[in-house]
């Protein structure tokens, strides 16, 4: 099975959806926190802990997305950013065959 190397230009108009991911993660943080408070007030500690963990995971995602947005064109390329060069495969010399004679 051959594996094709990506060139960074397929498709040409593809963009990273980081801003959409940020918005969805922020919704997860808000809903997770609100649900955790609601379940805690309803004396449901198991559900409160569960949705608090979901909110914490969403908060970690928010931090990662903000970090990627701040890293600039590598994670959020614009139309003026050319595609990256493909990674060149390692060139190895062909194996030498040795014949055994007994």
N, C-alpha and C. Protein backbone atom coordinates (compact mmCIF):
# COMPACT_ATOMS: atom_id res chain seq x y z
N UNK A 1 0.84 -1.17 0.00
CA UNK A 1 0.00 0.00 0.00
C UNK A 1 0.89 1.24 0.00
N UNK A 2 0.67 2.13 -0.95
CA UNK A 2 1.46 3.35 -1.01
C UNK A 2 0.74 4.45 -0.26
N UNK A 3 1.51 5.28 0.35
CA UNK A 3 0.96 6.39 1.12
C UNK A 3 1.35 7.69 0.43
N UNK A 4 0.35 8.50 0.12
CA UNK A 4 0.62 9.77 -0.53
C UNK A 4 1.04 10.81 0.51
N UNK A 5 2.00 11.62 0.15
CA UNK A 5 2.43 12.69 1.03
C UNK A 5 1.59 13.93 0.75
N UNK A 6 1.15 14.60 1.79
CA UNK A 6 0.38 15.82 1.62
C UNK A 6 1.29 16.95 1.20
N UNK A 7 0.77 17.83 0.36
CA UNK A 7 1.54 18.98 -0.08
C UNK A 7 1.14 20.24 0.66
N UNK A 8 0.02 20.21 1.36
CA UNK A 8 -0.44 21.40 2.06
C UNK A 8 -1.36 22.26 1.22
N UNK A 9 -1.65 21.85 0.00
CA UNK A 9 -2.50 22.68 -0.86
C UNK A 9 -3.80 21.98 -1.24
N UNK A 10 -4.14 20.89 -0.58
CA UNK A 10 -5.37 20.21 -0.95
C UNK A 10 -6.39 20.28 0.16
N UNK A 11 -7.58 20.73 -0.06
CA UNK A 11 -7.97 21.60 -1.16
C UNK A 11 -7.41 23.01 -0.94
N UNK A 12 -7.30 23.74 -1.99
CA UNK A 12 -6.63 25.04 -1.94
C UNK A 12 -7.35 26.01 -1.01
N UNK A 13 -8.68 25.97 -0.97
CA UNK A 13 -9.43 26.94 -0.18
C UNK A 13 -9.72 26.46 1.24
N UNK A 14 -9.15 25.36 1.70
CA UNK A 14 -9.43 24.85 3.04
C UNK A 14 -8.84 25.78 4.09
N UNK A 15 -9.59 26.00 5.14
CA UNK A 15 -9.14 26.85 6.26
C UNK A 15 -9.46 26.13 7.55
N UNK A 16 -8.68 26.42 8.56
CA UNK A 16 -8.88 25.80 9.85
C UNK A 16 -10.09 26.44 10.55
N UNK A 17 -11.02 25.63 11.07
CA UNK A 17 -12.23 26.19 11.71
C UNK A 17 -12.01 26.49 13.19
N UNK A 18 -10.91 27.14 13.53
CA UNK A 18 -10.60 27.37 14.94
C UNK A 18 -11.59 28.30 15.63
N UNK A 19 -12.08 29.29 14.93
CA UNK A 19 -13.02 30.22 15.57
C UNK A 19 -14.35 29.53 15.88
N UNK A 20 -14.81 28.67 15.00
CA UNK A 20 -16.02 27.89 15.27
C UNK A 20 -15.78 26.95 16.45
N UNK A 21 -14.64 26.30 16.47
CA UNK A 21 -14.31 25.40 17.58
C UNK A 21 -14.23 26.17 18.89
N UNK A 22 -13.71 27.39 18.84
CA UNK A 22 -13.64 28.21 20.04
C UNK A 22 -15.03 28.55 20.55
N UNK A 23 -15.93 28.92 19.65
CA UNK A 23 -17.30 29.23 20.06
C UNK A 23 -18.01 28.03 20.67
N UNK A 24 -17.85 26.86 20.06
CA UNK A 24 -18.48 25.66 20.60
C UNK A 24 -17.89 25.27 21.95
N UNK A 25 -16.58 25.43 22.10
CA UNK A 25 -15.95 25.11 23.38
C UNK A 25 -16.40 26.08 24.48
N UNK A 26 -16.56 27.35 24.13
CA UNK A 26 -17.05 28.31 25.12
C UNK A 26 -18.47 27.96 25.55
N UNK A 27 -19.30 27.52 24.60
CA UNK A 27 -20.65 27.06 24.96
C UNK A 27 -20.56 25.87 25.92
N UNK A 28 -19.64 24.97 25.67
CA UNK A 28 -19.46 23.82 26.56
C UNK A 28 -19.05 24.22 27.96
N UNK A 29 -18.19 25.24 28.06
CA UNK A 29 -17.77 25.72 29.38
C UNK A 29 -18.95 26.33 30.12
N UNK A 30 -19.72 27.18 29.43
CA UNK A 30 -20.86 27.85 30.07
C UNK A 30 -21.91 26.82 30.50
N UNK A 31 -22.30 25.93 29.58
CA UNK A 31 -23.32 24.92 29.91
C UNK A 31 -22.83 23.96 30.98
N UNK A 32 -21.56 23.59 30.94
CA UNK A 32 -21.02 22.69 31.95
C UNK A 32 -21.04 23.31 33.34
N UNK A 33 -20.64 24.56 33.40
CA UNK A 33 -20.64 25.25 34.70
C UNK A 33 -22.07 25.44 35.22
N UNK A 34 -22.96 25.87 34.33
CA UNK A 34 -24.36 26.09 34.75
C UNK A 34 -25.02 24.78 35.19
N UNK A 35 -24.77 23.72 34.45
CA UNK A 35 -25.36 22.43 34.81
C UNK A 35 -24.77 21.90 36.10
N UNK A 36 -23.46 22.11 36.32
CA UNK A 36 -22.84 21.65 37.56
C UNK A 36 -23.46 22.37 38.75
N UNK A 37 -23.66 23.68 38.64
CA UNK A 37 -24.29 24.43 39.73
C UNK A 37 -25.74 23.96 39.93
N UNK A 38 -26.46 23.77 38.83
CA UNK A 38 -27.84 23.32 38.92
C UNK A 38 -27.96 21.95 39.58
N UNK A 39 -27.13 21.01 39.17
CA UNK A 39 -27.19 19.68 39.78
C UNK A 39 -26.73 19.70 41.24
N UNK A 40 -25.76 20.57 41.55
CA UNK A 40 -25.32 20.67 42.95
C UNK A 40 -26.45 21.22 43.82
N UNK A 41 -27.19 22.21 43.29
CA UNK A 41 -28.31 22.76 44.05
C UNK A 41 -29.45 21.75 44.18
N UNK A 42 -29.55 20.82 43.22
CA UNK A 42 -30.60 19.80 43.25
C UNK A 42 -30.14 18.56 44.05
N UNK A 43 -29.01 18.65 44.69
CA UNK A 43 -28.45 17.56 45.51
C UNK A 43 -28.21 16.30 44.69
N UNK A 44 -27.61 16.48 43.52
CA UNK A 44 -27.22 15.38 42.64
C UNK A 44 -25.70 15.47 42.42
N UNK A 45 -24.90 15.04 43.40
CA UNK A 45 -23.44 15.24 43.29
C UNK A 45 -22.80 14.46 42.14
N UNK A 46 -23.34 13.29 41.81
CA UNK A 46 -22.76 12.52 40.71
C UNK A 46 -22.87 13.24 39.38
N UNK A 47 -24.09 13.72 39.08
CA UNK A 47 -24.29 14.46 37.84
C UNK A 47 -23.54 15.79 37.85
N UNK A 48 -23.47 16.43 39.01
CA UNK A 48 -22.74 17.70 39.11
C UNK A 48 -21.26 17.48 38.78
N UNK A 49 -20.71 16.39 39.31
CA UNK A 49 -19.29 16.10 39.03
C UNK A 49 -19.09 15.78 37.55
N UNK A 50 -20.03 15.03 36.98
CA UNK A 50 -19.90 14.65 35.57
C UNK A 50 -19.90 15.88 34.66
N UNK A 51 -20.87 16.77 34.83
CA UNK A 51 -20.93 17.94 33.95
C UNK A 51 -19.81 18.94 34.27
N UNK A 52 -19.31 18.92 35.50
CA UNK A 52 -18.15 19.76 35.81
C UNK A 52 -16.92 19.27 35.06
N UNK A 53 -16.77 17.96 34.93
CA UNK A 53 -15.65 17.41 34.16
C UNK A 53 -15.80 17.75 32.68
N UNK A 54 -17.02 17.66 32.17
CA UNK A 54 -17.26 18.05 30.77
C UNK A 54 -16.91 19.52 30.56
N UNK A 55 -17.30 20.38 31.50
CA UNK A 55 -16.94 21.79 31.41
C UNK A 55 -15.44 22.02 31.49
N UNK A 56 -14.76 21.22 32.31
CA UNK A 56 -13.30 21.36 32.43
C UNK A 56 -12.60 20.94 31.13
N UNK A 57 -13.09 19.88 30.51
CA UNK A 57 -12.52 19.46 29.22
C UNK A 57 -12.74 20.55 28.17
N UNK A 58 -13.91 21.15 28.18
CA UNK A 58 -14.18 22.24 27.24
C UNK A 58 -13.27 23.44 27.51
N UNK A 59 -13.00 23.71 28.78
CA UNK A 59 -12.09 24.81 29.13
C UNK A 59 -10.67 24.53 28.62
N UNK A 60 -10.21 23.31 28.73
CA UNK A 60 -8.89 22.95 28.19
C UNK A 60 -8.88 23.14 26.68
N UNK A 61 -9.97 22.78 26.02
CA UNK A 61 -10.06 22.98 24.57
C UNK A 61 -10.01 24.46 24.22
N UNK A 62 -10.67 25.30 25.01
CA UNK A 62 -10.62 26.75 24.79
C UNK A 62 -9.17 27.24 24.86
N UNK A 63 -8.43 26.78 25.85
CA UNK A 63 -7.03 27.20 26.01
C UNK A 63 -6.19 26.76 24.82
N UNK A 64 -6.39 25.52 24.37
CA UNK A 64 -5.63 25.01 23.22
C UNK A 64 -5.96 25.80 21.96
N UNK A 65 -7.23 26.08 21.73
CA UNK A 65 -7.63 26.80 20.53
C UNK A 65 -7.08 28.23 20.55
N UNK A 66 -7.15 28.89 21.68
CA UNK A 66 -6.59 30.25 21.77
C UNK A 66 -5.09 30.23 21.49
N UNK A 67 -4.42 29.23 22.01
CA UNK A 67 -2.97 29.10 21.76
C UNK A 67 -2.71 28.92 20.27
N UNK A 68 -3.50 28.08 19.60
CA UNK A 68 -3.30 27.86 18.17
C UNK A 68 -3.61 29.12 17.36
N UNK A 69 -4.64 29.85 17.74
CA UNK A 69 -4.96 31.09 17.03
C UNK A 69 -3.82 32.10 17.18
N UNK A 70 -3.24 32.17 18.35
CA UNK A 70 -2.14 33.13 18.58
C UNK A 70 -0.86 32.72 17.88
N UNK A 71 -0.73 31.45 17.50
CA UNK A 71 0.48 31.01 16.81
C UNK A 71 0.53 31.49 15.37
N UNK A 72 -0.57 32.01 14.88
CA UNK A 72 -0.55 32.64 13.58
C UNK A 72 -0.82 31.72 12.41
N UNK A 73 -0.21 32.01 11.26
CA UNK A 73 -0.57 31.37 10.02
C UNK A 73 -0.35 29.86 9.99
N UNK A 74 0.51 29.33 10.83
CA UNK A 74 0.71 27.88 10.80
C UNK A 74 -0.57 27.15 11.16
N UNK A 75 -1.34 27.69 12.11
CA UNK A 75 -2.58 27.04 12.52
C UNK A 75 -3.81 27.69 11.91
N UNK A 76 -3.70 28.92 11.45
CA UNK A 76 -4.84 29.64 10.90
C UNK A 76 -4.40 30.33 9.62
N UNK A 77 -4.12 29.56 8.56
CA UNK A 77 -3.60 30.18 7.34
C UNK A 77 -4.67 31.01 6.63
N UNK A 78 -4.24 32.12 6.09
CA UNK A 78 -5.12 32.96 5.30
C UNK A 78 -4.90 32.72 3.82
N UNK A 79 -5.63 33.42 2.96
CA UNK A 79 -5.48 33.20 1.53
C UNK A 79 -4.10 33.58 1.00
N UNK A 80 -3.39 34.47 1.71
CA UNK A 80 -2.07 34.89 1.24
C UNK A 80 -0.93 33.99 1.68
N UNK A 81 -1.22 32.96 2.43
CA UNK A 81 -0.18 32.06 2.93
C UNK A 81 0.02 30.92 1.93
N UNK A 82 1.23 30.78 1.37
CA UNK A 82 1.43 29.70 0.41
C UNK A 82 1.44 28.35 1.11
N UNK A 83 1.18 27.27 0.38
CA UNK A 83 1.21 25.95 1.00
C UNK A 83 2.62 25.58 1.43
N UNK A 84 2.71 24.75 2.44
CA UNK A 84 4.01 24.29 2.92
C UNK A 84 4.58 23.27 1.95
N UNK A 85 5.89 23.21 1.91
CA UNK A 85 6.53 22.21 1.06
C UNK A 85 6.30 20.83 1.67
N UNK A 86 6.13 19.82 0.82
CA UNK A 86 5.96 18.48 1.37
C UNK A 86 7.23 18.00 2.05
N UNK A 87 7.06 17.14 3.00
CA UNK A 87 8.21 16.57 3.69
C UNK A 87 8.86 15.55 2.76
N UNK A 88 10.15 15.73 2.57
CA UNK A 88 10.87 14.82 1.69
C UNK A 88 11.10 13.49 2.41
N UNK A 89 10.80 12.37 1.74
CA UNK A 89 11.07 11.08 2.38
C UNK A 89 12.57 10.86 2.51
N UNK A 90 12.94 10.09 3.51
CA UNK A 90 14.36 9.80 3.72
C UNK A 90 14.88 8.97 2.56
N UNK A 91 16.06 9.33 2.10
CA UNK A 91 16.69 8.57 1.03
C UNK A 91 17.64 7.57 1.67
N UNK A 92 17.34 6.31 1.48
CA UNK A 92 18.21 5.26 2.02
C UNK A 92 18.84 4.53 0.85
N UNK A 93 20.09 4.16 1.01
CA UNK A 93 20.70 3.39 -0.08
C UNK A 93 20.03 2.03 -0.18
N UNK A 94 19.93 1.49 -1.38
CA UNK A 94 19.29 0.18 -1.51
C UNK A 94 20.10 -0.87 -0.76
N UNK A 95 19.42 -1.85 -0.20
CA UNK A 95 20.15 -2.88 0.54
C UNK A 95 21.00 -3.71 -0.42
N UNK A 96 22.15 -4.05 0.04
CA UNK A 96 23.04 -4.88 -0.79
C UNK A 96 22.76 -6.34 -0.51
N UNK A 97 22.79 -7.11 -1.55
CA UNK A 97 22.54 -8.54 -1.40
C UNK A 97 23.87 -9.27 -1.32
N UNK A 98 23.94 -10.12 -0.39
CA UNK A 98 25.14 -10.95 -0.27
C UNK A 98 24.71 -12.39 -0.52
N UNK A 99 25.51 -13.06 -1.29
CA UNK A 99 25.20 -14.46 -1.56
C UNK A 99 26.08 -15.32 -0.68
N UNK A 100 25.50 -16.35 -0.16
CA UNK A 100 26.25 -17.27 0.70
C UNK A 100 26.57 -18.54 -0.09
N UNK A 101 27.77 -18.90 -0.02
CA UNK A 101 28.18 -20.15 -0.64
C UNK A 101 28.80 -21.02 0.42
N UNK A 102 28.35 -22.24 0.48
CA UNK A 102 28.87 -23.17 1.49
C UNK A 102 29.75 -24.19 0.85
